[in-house]
C-alpha atoms as a PDB file:
ATOM      1  CA  LEU A   1       6.211 -36.923 -26.670  1.00  0.00           C
ATOM      2  CA  PHE A   2       3.204 -35.224 -25.135  1.00  0.00           C
ATOM      3  CA  ALA A   3       1.417 -36.519 -22.028  1.00  0.00           C
ATOM      4  CA  GLY A   4       2.837 -39.973 -22.737  1.00  0.00           C
ATOM      5  CA  TRP A   5       1.671 -39.963 -26.369  1.00  0.00           C
ATOM      6  CA  ARG A   6       4.224 -40.308 -29.167  1.00  0.00           C
ATOM      7  CA  LEU A   7       3.930 -38.948 -32.688  1.00  0.00           C
ATOM      8  CA  ASP A   8       6.394 -40.723 -34.966  1.00  0.00           C
ATOM      9  CA  THR A   9       6.932 -38.515 -37.986  1.00  0.00           C
ATOM     10  CA  ALA A  10       9.071 -41.120 -39.776  1.00  0.00           C
ATOM     11  CA  THR A  11       6.319 -43.751 -39.758  1.00  0.00           C
ATOM     12  CA  ARG A  12       3.423 -41.250 -39.480  1.00  0.00           C
ATOM     13  CA  GLU A  13       2.027 -43.089 -36.454  1.00  0.00           C
ATOM     14  CA  LEU A  14       0.458 -41.872 -33.233  1.00  0.00           C
ATOM     15  CA  LEU A  15       1.082 -44.157 -30.279  1.00  0.00           C
ATOM     16  CA  SER A  16      -0.866 -43.998 -27.020  1.00  0.00           C
ATOM     17  CA  PRO A  17       0.959 -44.066 -23.668  1.00  0.00           C
ATOM     18  CA  GLU A  18       0.277 -47.835 -23.671  1.00  0.00           C
ATOM     19  CA  GLY A  19       1.939 -48.214 -27.081  1.00  0.00           C
ATOM     20  CA  VAL A  20      -1.294 -48.731 -29.016  1.00  0.00           C
ATOM     21  CA  GLN A  21      -1.302 -47.264 -32.510  1.00  0.00           C
ATOM     22  CA  VAL A  22      -4.092 -44.743 -33.073  1.00  0.00           C
ATOM     23  CA  GLY A  23      -5.324 -44.354 -36.632  1.00  0.00           C
ATOM     24  CA  LEU A  24      -5.203 -40.854 -38.058  1.00  0.00           C
ATOM     25  CA  SER A  25      -6.043 -39.552 -41.482  1.00  0.00           C
ATOM     26  CA  GLN A  26      -3.277 -37.749 -43.357  1.00  0.00           C
ATOM     27  CA  ALA A  27      -4.902 -34.404 -42.576  1.00  0.00           C
ATOM     28  CA  GLU A  28      -5.278 -35.246 -38.868  1.00  0.00           C
ATOM     29  CA  PHE A  29      -1.642 -36.336 -38.656  1.00  0.00           C
ATOM     30  CA  ASP A  30      -0.429 -33.177 -40.392  1.00  0.00           C
ATOM     31  CA  LEU A  31      -2.487 -30.933 -38.120  1.00  0.00           C
ATOM     32  CA  LEU A  32      -1.282 -32.722 -34.988  1.00  0.00           C
ATOM     33  CA  ALA A  33       2.310 -32.370 -36.195  1.00  0.00           C
ATOM     34  CA  VAL A  34       1.773 -28.624 -36.606  1.00  0.00           C
ATOM     35  CA  PHE A  35       0.272 -28.365 -33.116  1.00  0.00           C
ATOM     36  CA  LEU A  36       3.328 -30.100 -31.669  1.00  0.00           C
ATOM     37  CA  ALA A  37       5.777 -28.017 -33.703  1.00  0.00           C
ATOM     38  CA  PHE A  38       4.113 -24.826 -32.460  1.00  0.00           C
ATOM     39  CA  ALA A  39       3.269 -26.025 -28.943  1.00  0.00           C
ATOM     40  CA  GLY A  40       2.245 -23.245 -26.584  1.00  0.00           C
ATOM     41  CA  ARG A  41       1.724 -20.735 -29.383  1.00  0.00           C
ATOM     42  CA  PRO A  42      -1.709 -19.657 -30.560  1.00  0.00           C
ATOM     43  CA  LEU A  43      -2.397 -20.282 -34.248  1.00  0.00           C
ATOM     44  CA  SER A  44      -5.292 -18.869 -36.232  1.00  0.00           C
ATOM     45  CA  ARG A  45      -7.331 -21.057 -38.555  1.00  0.00           C
ATOM     46  CA  GLU A  46      -5.781 -19.206 -41.461  1.00  0.00           C
ATOM     47  CA  ARG A  47      -2.248 -19.947 -40.208  1.00  0.00           C
ATOM     48  CA  LEU A  48      -3.133 -23.619 -39.641  1.00  0.00           C
ATOM     49  CA  LEU A  49      -4.339 -23.824 -43.226  1.00  0.00           C
ATOM     50  CA  GLU A  50      -1.114 -22.221 -44.449  1.00  0.00           C
ATOM     51  CA  LEU A  51       0.995 -24.667 -42.449  1.00  0.00           C
ATOM     52  CA  THR A  52      -0.914 -27.760 -43.598  1.00  0.00           C
ATOM     53  CA  ARG A  53      -2.156 -26.789 -47.062  1.00  0.00           C
ATOM     54  CA  HIS A  54       0.776 -28.245 -48.973  1.00  0.00           C
ATOM     55  CA  ARG A  55       0.572 -31.567 -47.122  1.00  0.00           C
ATOM     56  CA  THR A  56      -3.129 -32.290 -46.758  1.00  0.00           C
ATOM     57  CA  SER A  57      -6.011 -33.123 -49.018  1.00  0.00           C
ATOM     58  CA  VAL A  58      -8.336 -30.881 -47.013  1.00  0.00           C
ATOM     59  CA  SER A  59      -9.768 -28.108 -49.111  1.00  0.00           C
ATOM     60  CA  PRO A  60      -8.333 -24.774 -48.009  1.00  0.00           C
ATOM     61  CA  ALA A  61     -11.481 -23.035 -49.213  1.00  0.00           C
ATOM     62  CA  SER A  62     -13.128 -23.184 -45.807  1.00  0.00           C
ATOM     63  CA  ASP A  63     -11.619 -22.532 -42.402  1.00  0.00           C
ATOM     64  CA  ARG A  64     -14.329 -24.835 -41.047  1.00  0.00           C
ATOM     65  CA  SER A  65     -12.284 -27.778 -42.319  1.00  0.00           C
ATOM     66  CA  VAL A  66      -9.766 -26.981 -39.580  1.00  0.00           C
ATOM     67  CA  ASP A  67     -12.566 -26.987 -37.005  1.00  0.00           C
ATOM     68  CA  MET A  68     -13.627 -30.454 -38.137  1.00  0.00           C
ATOM     69  CA  LEU A  69     -10.087 -31.820 -37.923  1.00  0.00           C
ATOM     70  CA  VAL A  70      -9.583 -30.333 -34.462  1.00  0.00           C
ATOM     71  CA  SER A  71     -12.827 -31.864 -33.244  1.00  0.00           C
ATOM     72  CA  ARG A  72     -11.736 -35.286 -34.519  1.00  0.00           C
ATOM     73  CA  LEU A  73      -8.358 -35.013 -32.803  1.00  0.00           C
END
């Protein structure tokens, strides 16, 4: 839970405080899960790529892919 939002890792769903499901791509979900797992700790783009590389279809070739995912979240 964060600010009333709920990330359900079993069903891979993000629910708003009102209980509305918010659609996320696989890469967006994985990145949000990493942010929650490492809450309050700074993470470099490179570290974010390392933590999500094995689970996402985002090309690790460019750290700008992380920027795009963050902007969408």
